[in-house]
Amino acid sequence: MKGETAFAIIVLSAAVFIVVFLLAFGGALGEEEGGTLTPASQVETPTPTPVQTFRTTAATPVPETTITVSEVDPVVGRWISNRTHTEELLLRSDGTGRFVTDHPAPSDFSETENITWKRDPGRSGPRVSFYLLDVETEADKVLILNKVEDSLGRDTPAGMVFYARAS
């Protein structure tokens, strides 16, 4: 076989391959304009449902009622700390309270002091609230309420004292 004959066979087989490929995938000449396509399967179109119409009437205005709820501060309540001695903080909603310290034996005595407290809004946030605690015989203290853990801490010269809510 000469080179020209081999070249002719390659060109002819390539042309046949291209024609078969075009006929198999979309045709060699393309689609006619305006031609119709035959769907593979019939698709049912749902029948439209009738639209429901509703009549609206003007609502009569309802008088507004104002409900006043006094919000109780979350620090209000009874708090207990058990260390070498027991401390109890009773904080009332009016900003007053009582601070009781029970010393065990051999001392075996109890101290009760009146206190006042108020919230410090400048240092409070969504998770922690700060309060100023005024004890009769001591300098002002800071109470820190952890709202997430529902625990209370009091700043003292010896460090923080932690309280748990009494049930």
Protein backbone atom coordinates (compact mmCIF):
# COMPACT_ATOMS: atom_id res chain seq x y z
CA MET A 1 0.00 0.00 0.00
CA LYS A 2 1.24 3.33 -0.92
CA GLY A 3 0.99 6.42 1.23
CA GLU A 4 -1.74 8.01 -0.88
CA THR A 5 -3.98 4.96 -0.59
CA ALA A 6 -3.53 4.77 3.17
CA PHE A 7 -4.27 8.48 3.47
CA ALA A 8 -7.47 8.05 1.39
CA ILE A 9 -8.65 5.17 3.60
CA ILE A 10 -8.04 7.20 6.79
CA VAL A 11 -9.87 10.25 5.42
CA LEU A 12 -12.82 8.18 4.17
CA SER A 13 -13.20 6.28 7.46
CA ALA A 14 -12.99 9.57 9.43
CA ALA A 15 -15.72 11.10 7.24
CA VAL A 16 -17.96 8.05 7.73
CA PHE A 17 -17.35 8.18 11.49
CA ILE A 18 -18.29 11.89 11.62
CA VAL A 19 -21.49 11.36 9.60
CA VAL A 20 -22.58 8.43 11.78
CA PHE A 21 -21.79 10.41 14.93
CA LEU A 22 -23.82 13.43 13.77
CA LEU A 23 -26.79 11.29 12.75
CA ALA A 24 -26.77 9.44 16.05
CA PHE A 25 -26.54 12.60 18.19
CA GLY A 26 -28.86 15.24 16.77
CA GLY A 27 -28.70 14.80 13.02
CA ALA A 28 -26.29 15.99 10.40
CA LEU A 29 -28.51 18.74 9.08
CA GLY A 30 -29.96 20.07 12.32
CA GLU A 31 -33.61 20.53 13.23
CA GLU A 32 -36.12 22.16 10.96
CA GLU A 33 -37.59 25.38 12.23
CA GLY A 34 -41.12 24.89 13.48
CA GLY A 35 -40.66 21.16 13.78
CA THR A 36 -42.51 19.27 16.48
CA LEU A 37 -40.86 17.20 19.10
CA THR A 38 -42.38 13.97 20.24
CA PRO A 39 -42.19 13.65 24.01
CA ALA A 40 -40.77 10.46 25.43
CA SER A 41 -43.79 10.03 27.71
CA GLN A 42 -47.01 11.89 28.12
CA VAL A 43 -46.92 14.32 31.04
CA GLU A 44 -50.23 15.02 32.68
CA THR A 45 -50.82 18.62 33.57
CA PRO A 46 -52.84 19.08 36.74
CA THR A 47 -56.13 20.83 36.38
CA PRO A 48 -56.13 24.18 38.11
CA THR A 49 -58.10 24.39 41.33
CA PRO A 50 -60.57 27.21 41.67
CA VAL A 51 -59.35 30.19 43.67
CA GLN A 52 -61.20 30.74 46.91
CA THR A 53 -62.10 34.29 47.73
CA PHE A 54 -62.78 35.49 51.23
CA ARG A 55 -64.68 38.53 52.28
CA THR A 56 -62.98 40.60 54.91
CA THR A 57 -64.77 42.76 57.35
CA ALA A 58 -63.28 45.61 59.29
CA ALA A 59 -62.33 44.47 62.77
CA THR A 60 -63.63 46.44 65.67
CA PRO A 61 -60.78 48.03 67.59
CA VAL A 62 -59.98 46.41 70.91
CA PRO A 63 -59.05 48.81 73.69
CA GLU A 64 -55.44 48.46 74.76
CA THR A 65 -54.80 47.26 78.25
CA THR A 66 -51.65 48.19 80.05
CA ILE A 67 -50.29 45.57 82.39
CA THR A 68 -47.70 46.71 84.85
CA VAL A 69 -45.42 43.97 86.05
CA SER A 70 -42.79 44.79 88.59
CA GLU A 71 -39.68 42.94 87.54
CA VAL A 72 -37.90 41.26 90.42
CA ASP A 73 -34.14 41.53 90.32
CA PRO A 74 -32.52 38.08 89.92
CA VAL A 75 -30.25 38.64 92.93
CA VAL A 76 -33.22 38.79 95.31
CA GLY A 77 -33.36 35.77 97.59
CA ARG A 78 -31.38 33.81 100.15
CA TRP A 79 -27.74 32.93 99.43
CA ILE A 80 -25.54 30.58 101.52
CA SER A 81 -21.75 30.17 101.69
CA ASN A 82 -20.20 27.31 103.67
CA ARG A 83 -16.55 27.86 104.46
CA THR A 84 -14.87 27.56 107.87
CA HIS A 85 -17.99 29.45 108.97
CA THR A 86 -21.42 29.81 107.39
CA GLU A 87 -22.50 33.08 105.81
CA GLU A 88 -26.04 33.85 104.75
CA LEU A 89 -27.11 36.79 102.61
CA LEU A 90 -30.80 37.61 102.52
CA LEU A 91 -31.45 40.18 99.80
CA ARG A 92 -34.95 41.71 99.63
CA SER A 93 -36.49 43.34 96.57
CA ASP A 94 -36.64 46.76 98.29
CA GLY A 95 -32.82 46.99 98.37
CA THR A 96 -32.39 45.97 102.00
CA GLY A 97 -31.35 42.71 103.56
CA ARG A 98 -29.54 40.84 106.29
CA PHE A 99 -26.02 39.42 106.55
CA VAL A 100 -25.65 36.56 109.06
CA THR A 101 -22.34 34.91 109.98
CA ASP A 102 -22.38 31.71 112.07
CA HIS A 103 -19.03 30.75 113.62
CA PRO A 104 -18.69 27.11 114.72
CA ALA A 105 -17.23 25.84 117.98
CA PRO A 106 -15.10 26.73 119.88
CA SER A 107 -16.21 30.34 119.22
CA ASP A 108 -19.83 29.35 118.65
CA PHE A 109 -21.38 32.77 118.08
CA SER A 110 -23.47 34.41 115.39
CA GLU A 111 -23.39 37.93 113.95
CA THR A 112 -26.32 39.60 112.19
CA GLU A 113 -25.94 42.86 110.29
CA ASN A 114 -28.37 44.90 108.26
CA ILE A 115 -27.35 45.64 104.71
CA THR A 116 -28.46 47.67 101.74
CA TRP A 117 -27.74 46.84 98.13
CA LYS A 118 -28.28 48.37 94.72
CA ARG A 119 -27.55 47.30 91.17
CA ASP A 120 -24.61 48.92 89.36
CA PRO A 121 -25.97 49.27 85.80
CA GLY A 122 -22.72 50.75 84.49
CA ARG A 123 -20.85 47.49 84.99
CA SER A 124 -23.65 44.97 84.40
CA GLY A 125 -24.14 42.98 81.22
CA PRO A 126 -26.22 40.16 79.76
CA ARG A 127 -24.36 37.38 81.64
CA VAL A 128 -23.12 39.16 84.78
CA SER A 129 -24.68 41.78 87.06
CA PHE A 130 -22.75 43.88 89.57
CA TYR A 131 -24.22 45.19 92.83
CA LEU A 132 -22.92 47.54 95.50
CA LEU A 133 -23.35 46.06 98.97
CA ASP A 134 -23.28 48.32 102.03
CA VAL A 135 -22.75 46.44 105.31
CA GLU A 136 -23.15 48.41 108.57
CA THR A 137 -19.73 47.67 110.03
CA GLU A 138 -17.65 47.21 106.89
CA ALA A 139 -16.66 49.19 103.85
CA ASP A 140 -18.76 48.88 100.70
CA LYS A 141 -18.47 45.52 98.96
CA VAL A 142 -19.16 44.40 95.43
CA LEU A 143 -21.53 41.52 94.67
CA ILE A 144 -21.19 39.77 91.32
CA LEU A 145 -24.14 37.69 90.06
CA ASN A 146 -23.36 35.15 87.35
CA LYS A 147 -26.74 34.83 85.62
CA VAL A 148 -25.71 31.78 83.59
CA GLU A 149 -24.58 29.66 86.56
CA ASP A 150 -26.92 31.36 89.06
CA SER A 151 -24.07 31.94 91.51
CA LEU A 152 -23.15 34.97 93.58
CA GLY A 153 -19.69 36.19 94.54
CA ARG A 154 -18.69 38.80 97.15
CA ASP A 155 -15.42 40.68 97.05
CA THR A 156 -13.57 40.62 100.39
CA PRO A 157 -10.02 41.58 101.45
CA ALA A 158 -9.24 37.84 101.76
CA GLY A 159 -10.55 37.10 98.25
CA MET A 160 -13.85 36.16 96.69
CA VAL A 161 -16.54 34.42 98.71
CA PHE A 162 -18.99 32.40 96.61
CA TYR A 163 -22.62 31.81 97.50
CA ALA A 164 -25.17 29.32 96.25
CA ARG A 165 -28.87 30.09 96.09
CA ALA A 166 -30.70 28.50 99.03
CA SER A 167 -33.74 26.46 98.11
